[in-house]
């Protein structure tokens, strides 16, 4: 009898859960996507300046992007929502789910009230989530809910990708890797650090105008990153 030229393995419980949720999302949510190129040299300069004064909890680019997204969501609260049956539930704070890739699947712990937290607070919380996710120590209360998601695979050589919305949320931002490329600034061609972001939206609740305005708000925060140093007061 000829031996099979493959190895069959059942889905792990986590992979099975991911498969179910992603299938549900693609079947029930009418996705559409919008892409924007962001110039991040000023953001990287700010990160370098901040980290010079820190001993621990160094700020990552992802921490900066979480905070920038939170500010953009507060400026565009119509994206900061969940879709529950025929209702839109708009959140009063940016509860951002950060996608963490594990060997057998994905988890999405939520940085709650990211709009009110400092960059250091976001950095500490994100690293704690990542460490405990690897060991399966996240609590259910830490991965439930969320008003928006970010999926960042910038550590890999990927120029652009799109992500599937995490229901009942209505949007997710996919962040690719940063690259050097020529851009036009002030009518002059120069080399800048850019990354592509792809915003996936639920067309039941949101339209193209909503996504375009949000992406421009995000770009504006990144062009003026000093905004990230100020915590929004309750």
C-alpha atoms as a PDB file:
ATOM      1  CA  UNK A   1       0.000   0.000   0.000  1.00  0.00           C
ATOM      2  CA  UNK A   2       1.410   3.377  -1.030  1.00  0.00           C
ATOM      3  CA  UNK A   3       2.187   5.700   1.858  1.00  0.00           C
ATOM      4  CA  UNK A   4       0.585   9.174   1.674  1.00  0.00           C
ATOM      5  CA  UNK A   5       2.964  11.993   0.767  1.00  0.00           C
ATOM      6  CA  UNK A   6       1.516  14.339   3.385  1.00  0.00           C
ATOM      7  CA  UNK A   7       1.007  14.512   7.131  1.00  0.00           C
ATOM      8  CA  UNK A   8      -2.563  15.055   8.361  1.00  0.00           C
ATOM      9  CA  UNK A   9      -3.034  17.076  11.546  1.00  0.00           C
ATOM     10  CA  UNK A  10      -6.306  18.182  13.144  1.00  0.00           C
ATOM     11  CA  UNK A  11      -6.894  21.860  13.878  1.00  0.00           C
ATOM     12  CA  UNK A  12      -5.791  22.878  17.348  1.00  0.00           C
ATOM     13  CA  UNK A  13      -8.577  24.353  19.521  1.00  0.00           C
ATOM     14  CA  UNK A  14      -7.186  27.860  18.891  1.00  0.00           C
ATOM     15  CA  UNK A  15      -6.900  27.296  15.126  1.00  0.00           C
ATOM     16  CA  UNK A  16     -10.457  25.943  15.096  1.00  0.00           C
ATOM     17  CA  UNK A  17     -11.728  29.043  16.910  1.00  0.00           C
ATOM     18  CA  UNK A  18      -9.882  31.342  14.504  1.00  0.00           C
ATOM     19  CA  UNK A  19     -11.249  29.419  11.520  1.00  0.00           C
ATOM     20  CA  UNK A  20     -14.802  29.727  12.804  1.00  0.00           C
ATOM     21  CA  UNK A  21     -14.584  33.468  13.500  1.00  0.00           C
ATOM     22  CA  UNK A  22     -12.863  34.314  10.225  1.00  0.00           C
ATOM     23  CA  UNK A  23     -15.370  32.273   8.230  1.00  0.00           C
ATOM     24  CA  UNK A  24     -18.245  33.956  10.059  1.00  0.00           C
ATOM     25  CA  UNK A  25     -16.730  37.400   9.429  1.00  0.00           C
ATOM     26  CA  UNK A  26     -16.206  36.889   5.689  1.00  0.00           C
ATOM     27  CA  UNK A  27     -19.676  35.401   5.239  1.00  0.00           C
ATOM     28  CA  UNK A  28     -21.640  37.974   7.232  1.00  0.00           C
ATOM     29  CA  UNK A  29     -19.694  41.241   6.863  1.00  0.00           C
ATOM     30  CA  UNK A  30     -19.563  43.029   3.484  1.00  0.00           C
ATOM     31  CA  UNK A  31     -15.914  44.102   3.557  1.00  0.00           C
ATOM     32  CA  UNK A  32     -14.404  46.923   1.540  1.00  0.00           C
ATOM     33  CA  UNK A  33     -10.868  48.197   1.812  1.00  0.00           C
ATOM     34  CA  UNK A  34      -8.930  51.437   1.490  1.00  0.00           C
ATOM     35  CA  UNK A  35      -5.150  51.843   1.315  1.00  0.00           C
ATOM     36  CA  UNK A  36      -2.982  54.814   2.295  1.00  0.00           C
ATOM     37  CA  UNK A  37       0.762  55.414   2.272  1.00  0.00           C
ATOM     38  CA  UNK A  38       2.114  57.055   5.427  1.00  0.00           C
ATOM     39  CA  UNK A  39       5.443  58.875   5.698  1.00  0.00           C
ATOM     40  CA  UNK A  40       6.759  58.070   9.172  1.00  0.00           C
ATOM     41  CA  UNK A  41      10.196  59.713   9.450  1.00  0.00           C
ATOM     42  CA  UNK A  42       8.942  62.268  12.003  1.00  0.00           C
ATOM     43  CA  UNK A  43       7.306  59.450  13.952  1.00  0.00           C
ATOM     44  CA  UNK A  44      10.557  57.464  14.012  1.00  0.00           C
ATOM     45  CA  UNK A  45      12.478  60.561  15.117  1.00  0.00           C
ATOM     46  CA  UNK A  46      10.044  61.056  17.991  1.00  0.00           C
ATOM     47  CA  UNK A  47      10.425  57.421  18.996  1.00  0.00           C
ATOM     48  CA  UNK A  48      14.208  57.756  19.075  1.00  0.00           C
ATOM     49  CA  UNK A  49      13.980  60.902  21.195  1.00  0.00           C
ATOM     50  CA  UNK A  50      11.554  59.333  23.677  1.00  0.00           C
ATOM     51  CA  UNK A  51      13.554  56.126  24.044  1.00  0.00           C
ATOM     52  CA  UNK A  52      16.757  58.026  24.852  1.00  0.00           C
ATOM     53  CA  UNK A  53      15.133  58.990  28.144  1.00  0.00           C
ATOM     54  CA  UNK A  54      13.747  55.560  29.012  1.00  0.00           C
ATOM     55  CA  UNK A  55      15.511  52.762  30.836  1.00  0.00           C
ATOM     56  CA  UNK A  56      12.765  50.174  30.494  1.00  0.00           C
ATOM     57  CA  UNK A  57       9.571  49.823  28.440  1.00  0.00           C
ATOM     58  CA  UNK A  58      11.081  51.208  25.251  1.00  0.00           C
ATOM     59  CA  UNK A  59       8.473  52.538  22.845  1.00  0.00           C
ATOM     60  CA  UNK A  60       7.954  50.539  19.643  1.00  0.00           C
ATOM     61  CA  UNK A  61       6.643  51.817  16.337  1.00  0.00           C
ATOM     62  CA  UNK A  62       3.502  49.776  16.971  1.00  0.00           C
ATOM     63  CA  UNK A  63       2.935  51.556  20.296  1.00  0.00           C
ATOM     64  CA  UNK A  64       3.081  54.894  18.471  1.00  0.00           C
ATOM     65  CA  UNK A  65       0.647  53.652  15.831  1.00  0.00           C
ATOM     66  CA  UNK A  66      -1.794  52.390  18.483  1.00  0.00           C
ATOM     67  CA  UNK A  67      -1.807  55.810  20.113  1.00  0.00           C
ATOM     68  CA  UNK A  68      -2.116  57.601  16.754  1.00  0.00           C
ATOM     69  CA  UNK A  69      -5.035  55.364  15.826  1.00  0.00           C
ATOM     70  CA  UNK A  70      -6.727  56.075  19.147  1.00  0.00           C
ATOM     71  CA  UNK A  71      -6.474  59.828  18.533  1.00  0.00           C
ATOM     72  CA  UNK A  72      -7.836  59.417  15.000  1.00  0.00           C
ATOM     73  CA  UNK A  73     -10.741  57.361  16.344  1.00  0.00           C
ATOM     74  CA  UNK A  74     -11.647  60.096  18.816  1.00  0.00           C
ATOM     75  CA  UNK A  75     -11.705  62.526  15.887  1.00  0.00           C
ATOM     76  CA  UNK A  76     -13.821  60.077  13.849  1.00  0.00           C
ATOM     77  CA  UNK A  77     -16.022  58.300  16.411  1.00  0.00           C
ATOM     78  CA  UNK A  78     -18.290  56.842  13.713  1.00  0.00           C
ATOM     79  CA  UNK A  79     -15.531  54.232  13.127  1.00  0.00           C
ATOM     80  CA  UNK A  80     -15.192  53.495  16.829  1.00  0.00           C
ATOM     81  CA  UNK A  81     -18.114  51.102  16.861  1.00  0.00           C
ATOM     82  CA  UNK A  82     -19.533  47.628  17.092  1.00  0.00           C
ATOM     83  CA  UNK A  83     -22.376  46.379  14.903  1.00  0.00           C
ATOM     84  CA  UNK A  84     -24.845  44.403  17.013  1.00  0.00           C
ATOM     85  CA  UNK A  85     -27.745  42.998  14.974  1.00  0.00           C
ATOM     86  CA  UNK A  86     -29.395  46.097  13.456  1.00  0.00           C
ATOM     87  CA  UNK A  87     -27.804  48.553  15.894  1.00  0.00           C
ATOM     88  CA  UNK A  88     -24.565  50.530  15.898  1.00  0.00           C
ATOM     89  CA  UNK A  89     -22.936  50.791  19.327  1.00  0.00           C
ATOM     90  CA  UNK A  90     -20.556  53.761  19.370  1.00  0.00           C
ATOM     91  CA  UNK A  91     -17.835  53.660  22.025  1.00  0.00           C
ATOM     92  CA  UNK A  92     -16.836  56.726  24.013  1.00  0.00           C
ATOM     93  CA  UNK A  93     -13.211  55.579  24.294  1.00  0.00           C
ATOM     94  CA  UNK A  94     -10.761  53.840  21.950  1.00  0.00           C
ATOM     95  CA  UNK A  95     -10.637  50.194  23.044  1.00  0.00           C
ATOM     96  CA  UNK A  96      -8.114  48.890  20.519  1.00  0.00           C
ATOM     97  CA  UNK A  97      -7.644  45.155  20.007  1.00  0.00           C
ATOM     98  CA  UNK A  98      -4.060  44.341  19.010  1.00  0.00           C
ATOM     99  CA  UNK A  99      -3.663  41.165  16.953  1.00  0.00           C
ATOM    100  CA  UNK A 100      -0.902  38.921  18.330  1.00  0.00           C
ATOM    101  CA  UNK A 101       0.230  36.000  16.180  1.00  0.00           C
ATOM    102  CA  UNK A 102       1.007  32.748  17.979  1.00  0.00           C
ATOM    103  CA  UNK A 103       2.285  29.473  16.592  1.00  0.00           C
ATOM    104  CA  UNK A 104      -1.212  27.995  16.303  1.00  0.00           C
ATOM    105  CA  UNK A 105      -3.407  31.023  15.767  1.00  0.00           C
ATOM    106  CA  UNK A 106      -4.208  34.575  16.776  1.00  0.00           C
ATOM    107  CA  UNK A 107      -5.314  36.361  19.934  1.00  0.00           C
ATOM    108  CA  UNK A 108      -6.612  39.921  20.199  1.00  0.00           C
ATOM    109  CA  UNK A 109      -6.099  41.443  23.667  1.00  0.00           C
ATOM    110  CA  UNK A 110      -7.672  44.882  24.045  1.00  0.00           C
ATOM    111  CA  UNK A 111      -5.835  48.033  25.104  1.00  0.00           C
ATOM    112  CA  UNK A 112      -8.735  49.810  26.736  1.00  0.00           C
ATOM    113  CA  UNK A 113      -8.991  53.602  26.702  1.00  0.00           C
ATOM    114  CA  UNK A 114      -5.872  53.839  24.529  1.00  0.00           C
ATOM    115  CA  UNK A 115      -6.804  57.463  23.803  1.00  0.00           C
ATOM    116  CA  UNK A 116      -6.241  58.316  27.477  1.00  0.00           C
ATOM    117  CA  UNK A 117      -3.090  56.258  28.067  1.00  0.00           C
ATOM    118  CA  UNK A 118       0.497  57.436  27.698  1.00  0.00           C
ATOM    119  CA  UNK A 119       2.870  55.820  25.220  1.00  0.00           C
ATOM    120  CA  UNK A 120       4.749  54.191  28.114  1.00  0.00           C
ATOM    121  CA  UNK A 121       1.497  52.748  29.504  1.00  0.00           C
ATOM    122  CA  UNK A 122       0.619  51.348  26.071  1.00  0.00           C
ATOM    123  CA  UNK A 123       4.118  49.879  25.678  1.00  0.00           C
ATOM    124  CA  UNK A 124       4.013  48.158  29.080  1.00  0.00           C
ATOM    125  CA  UNK A 125       0.514  46.769  28.525  1.00  0.00           C
ATOM    126  CA  UNK A 126       1.270  45.516  25.022  1.00  0.00           C
ATOM    127  CA  UNK A 127       4.419  43.691  26.120  1.00  0.00           C
ATOM    128  CA  UNK A 128       2.591  42.137  29.058  1.00  0.00           C
ATOM    129  CA  UNK A 129      -0.152  40.909  26.729  1.00  0.00           C
ATOM    130  CA  UNK A 130       2.390  39.456  24.294  1.00  0.00           C
ATOM    131  CA  UNK A 131       4.320  37.630  27.024  1.00  0.00           C
ATOM    132  CA  UNK A 132       1.216  36.134  28.591  1.00  0.00           C
ATOM    133  CA  UNK A 133      -0.295  35.262  25.201  1.00  0.00           C
ATOM    134  CA  UNK A 134       2.674  33.002  24.435  1.00  0.00           C
ATOM    135  CA  UNK A 135       2.078  31.143  27.695  1.00  0.00           C
ATOM    136  CA  UNK A 136      -1.695  31.003  27.306  1.00  0.00           C
ATOM    137  CA  UNK A 137      -2.205  33.236  30.334  1.00  0.00           C
ATOM    138  CA  UNK A 138      -4.547  35.864  28.904  1.00  0.00           C
ATOM    139  CA  UNK A 139      -7.899  36.238  30.619  1.00  0.00           C
ATOM    140  CA  UNK A 140     -11.138  36.086  28.662  1.00  0.00           C
ATOM    141  CA  UNK A 141     -11.993  39.585  29.900  1.00  0.00           C
ATOM    142  CA  UNK A 142      -8.787  40.863  28.269  1.00  0.00           C
ATOM    143  CA  UNK A 143      -9.638  39.593  24.790  1.00  0.00           C
ATOM    144  CA  UNK A 144     -13.369  40.315  24.716  1.00  0.00           C
ATOM    145  CA  UNK A 145     -14.878  43.480  23.301  1.00  0.00           C
ATOM    146  CA  UNK A 146     -12.884  46.191  21.606  1.00  0.00           C
ATOM    147  CA  UNK A 147     -14.070  48.961  19.313  1.00  0.00           C
ATOM    148  CA  UNK A 148     -11.366  48.676  16.618  1.00  0.00           C
ATOM    149  CA  UNK A 149      -8.475  46.347  15.737  1.00  0.00           C
ATOM    150  CA  UNK A 150      -4.884  46.728  14.543  1.00  0.00           C
ATOM    151  CA  UNK A 151      -2.950  43.948  12.805  1.00  0.00           C
ATOM    152  CA  UNK A 152       0.734  44.792  12.354  1.00  0.00           C
ATOM    153  CA  UNK A 153       3.148  42.481  10.508  1.00  0.00           C
ATOM    154  CA  UNK A 154       5.752  45.164   9.985  1.00  0.00           C
ATOM    155  CA  UNK A 155       8.475  42.821  11.270  1.00  0.00           C
ATOM    156  CA  UNK A 156       8.141  40.845   8.045  1.00  0.00           C
ATOM    157  CA  UNK A 157       9.009  41.868   4.491  1.00  0.00           C
ATOM    158  CA  UNK A 158       5.434  42.496   3.378  1.00  0.00           C
ATOM    159  CA  UNK A 159       4.632  45.622   1.378  1.00  0.00           C
ATOM    160  CA  UNK A 160       0.859  45.523   1.860  1.00  0.00           C
ATOM    161  CA  UNK A 161      -1.891  43.248   3.130  1.00  0.00           C
ATOM    162  CA  UNK A 162      -5.491  43.419   4.223  1.00  0.00           C
ATOM    163  CA  UNK A 163      -7.103  41.975   7.320  1.00  0.00           C
ATOM    164  CA  UNK A 164     -10.487  40.458   8.121  1.00  0.00           C
ATOM    165  CA  UNK A 165     -12.708  42.444  10.475  1.00  0.00           C
ATOM    166  CA  UNK A 166     -13.032  41.057  13.997  1.00  0.00           C
ATOM    167  CA  UNK A 167     -16.813  41.013  14.654  1.00  0.00           C
ATOM    168  CA  UNK A 168     -18.736  42.736  16.108  1.00  0.00           C
ATOM    169  CA  UNK A 169     -16.242  45.512  15.365  1.00  0.00           C
ATOM    170  CA  UNK A 170     -16.673  47.372  12.080  1.00  0.00           C
ATOM    171  CA  UNK A 171     -13.075  48.128  11.097  1.00  0.00           C
ATOM    172  CA  UNK A 172      -9.501  46.843  11.279  1.00  0.00           C
ATOM    173  CA  UNK A 173      -6.236  48.501  10.259  1.00  0.00           C
ATOM    174  CA  UNK A 174      -3.595  46.290   8.618  1.00  0.00           C
ATOM    175  CA  UNK A 175      -0.049  47.684   8.905  1.00  0.00           C
ATOM    176  CA  UNK A 176       2.704  46.434   6.619  1.00  0.00           C
ATOM    177  CA  UNK A 177       6.473  46.879   6.815  1.00  0.00           C
ATOM    178  CA  UNK A 178       8.228  50.236   6.529  1.00  0.00           C
ATOM    179  CA  UNK A 179      10.461  50.781   3.509  1.00  0.00           C
ATOM    180  CA  UNK A 180      12.629  53.544   2.095  1.00  0.00           C
ATOM    181  CA  UNK A 181      11.383  55.028  -1.177  1.00  0.00           C
ATOM    182  CA  UNK A 182      11.360  58.306  -3.129  1.00  0.00           C
ATOM    183  CA  UNK A 183       8.524  60.683  -2.270  1.00  0.00           C
ATOM    184  CA  UNK A 184       7.690  64.262  -3.170  1.00  0.00           C
ATOM    185  CA  UNK A 185       7.959  66.781  -0.325  1.00  0.00           C
ATOM    186  CA  UNK A 186       7.515  70.481  -0.951  1.00  0.00           C
ATOM    187  CA  UNK A 187       7.833  69.925  -4.671  1.00  0.00           C
ATOM    188  CA  UNK A 188      11.164  68.108  -4.269  1.00  0.00           C
ATOM    189  CA  UNK A 189      11.904  64.404  -4.589  1.00  0.00           C
ATOM    190  CA  UNK A 190      13.553  62.906  -1.516  1.00  0.00           C
ATOM    191  CA  UNK A 191      13.929  59.504   0.128  1.00  0.00           C
ATOM    192  CA  UNK A 192      11.538  58.860   3.016  1.00  0.00           C
ATOM    193  CA  UNK A 193      10.445  56.003   5.234  1.00  0.00           C
ATOM    194  CA  UNK A 194       6.926  54.946   4.315  1.00  0.00           C
ATOM    195  CA  UNK A 195       4.515  52.194   5.211  1.00  0.00           C
ATOM    196  CA  UNK A 196       1.234  51.149   3.696  1.00  0.00           C
ATOM    197  CA  UNK A 197      -1.853  50.738   5.833  1.00  0.00           C
ATOM    198  CA  UNK A 198      -5.012  49.020   4.639  1.00  0.00           C
ATOM    199  CA  UNK A 199      -8.294  49.831   6.379  1.00  0.00           C
ATOM    200  CA  UNK A 200     -11.002  47.149   6.133  1.00  0.00           C
ATOM    201  CA  UNK A 201     -14.517  48.445   6.787  1.00  0.00           C
ATOM    202  CA  UNK A 202     -17.979  46.982   7.303  1.00  0.00           C
ATOM    203  CA  UNK A 203     -20.119  48.429   4.505  1.00  0.00           C
ATOM    204  CA  UNK A 204     -23.307  47.878   6.498  1.00  0.00           C
ATOM    205  CA  UNK A 205     -22.302  50.676   8.871  1.00  0.00           C
ATOM    206  CA  UNK A 206     -19.578  52.637   7.066  1.00  0.00           C
ATOM    207  CA  UNK A 207     -18.956  54.130   3.632  1.00  0.00           C
ATOM    208  CA  UNK A 208     -15.923  55.189   1.630  1.00  0.00           C
ATOM    209  CA  UNK A 209     -16.078  58.773   2.886  1.00  0.00           C
ATOM    210  CA  UNK A 210     -15.849  57.542   6.473  1.00  0.00           C
ATOM    211  CA  UNK A 211     -12.720  55.542   5.742  1.00  0.00           C
ATOM    212  CA  UNK A 212     -11.055  58.294   3.713  1.00  0.00           C
ATOM    213  CA  UNK A 213     -11.542  60.912   6.435  1.00  0.00           C
ATOM    214  CA  UNK A 214     -10.258  58.544   9.125  1.00  0.00           C
ATOM    215  CA  UNK A 215      -7.128  57.699   7.130  1.00  0.00           C
ATOM    216  CA  UNK A 216      -6.414  61.381   6.559  1.00  0.00           C
ATOM    217  CA  UNK A 217      -6.850  62.038  10.295  1.00  0.00           C
ATOM    218  CA  UNK A 218      -4.383  59.239  11.029  1.00  0.00           C
ATOM    219  CA  UNK A 219      -1.914  60.655   8.504  1.00  0.00           C
ATOM    220  CA  UNK A 220      -2.223  64.104  10.065  1.00  0.00           C
ATOM    221  CA  UNK A 221      -1.454  62.756  13.545  1.00  0.00           C
ATOM    222  CA  UNK A 222       1.624  61.023  12.137  1.00  0.00           C
ATOM    223  CA  UNK A 223       2.712  64.216  10.376  1.00  0.00           C
ATOM    224  CA  UNK A 224       2.461  66.058  13.726  1.00  0.00           C
ATOM    225  CA  UNK A 225       3.452  63.311  16.182  1.00  0.00           C
ATOM    226  CA  UNK A 226       3.896  65.628  19.160  1.00  0.00           C
ATOM    227  CA  UNK A 227       0.162  65.015  19.702  1.00  0.00           C
ATOM    228  CA  UNK A 228       1.103  61.528  20.897  1.00  0.00           C
ATOM    229  CA  UNK A 229       2.838  62.933  23.955  1.00  0.00           C
ATOM    230  CA  UNK A 230      -0.329  64.414  25.428  1.00  0.00           C
ATOM    231  CA  UNK A 231      -2.752  62.150  27.260  1.00  0.00           C
ATOM    232  CA  UNK A 232      -6.398  62.959  26.659  1.00  0.00           C
ATOM    233  CA  UNK A 233      -8.020  63.695  29.984  1.00  0.00           C
ATOM    234  CA  UNK A 234     -11.278  62.044  30.965  1.00  0.00           C
END
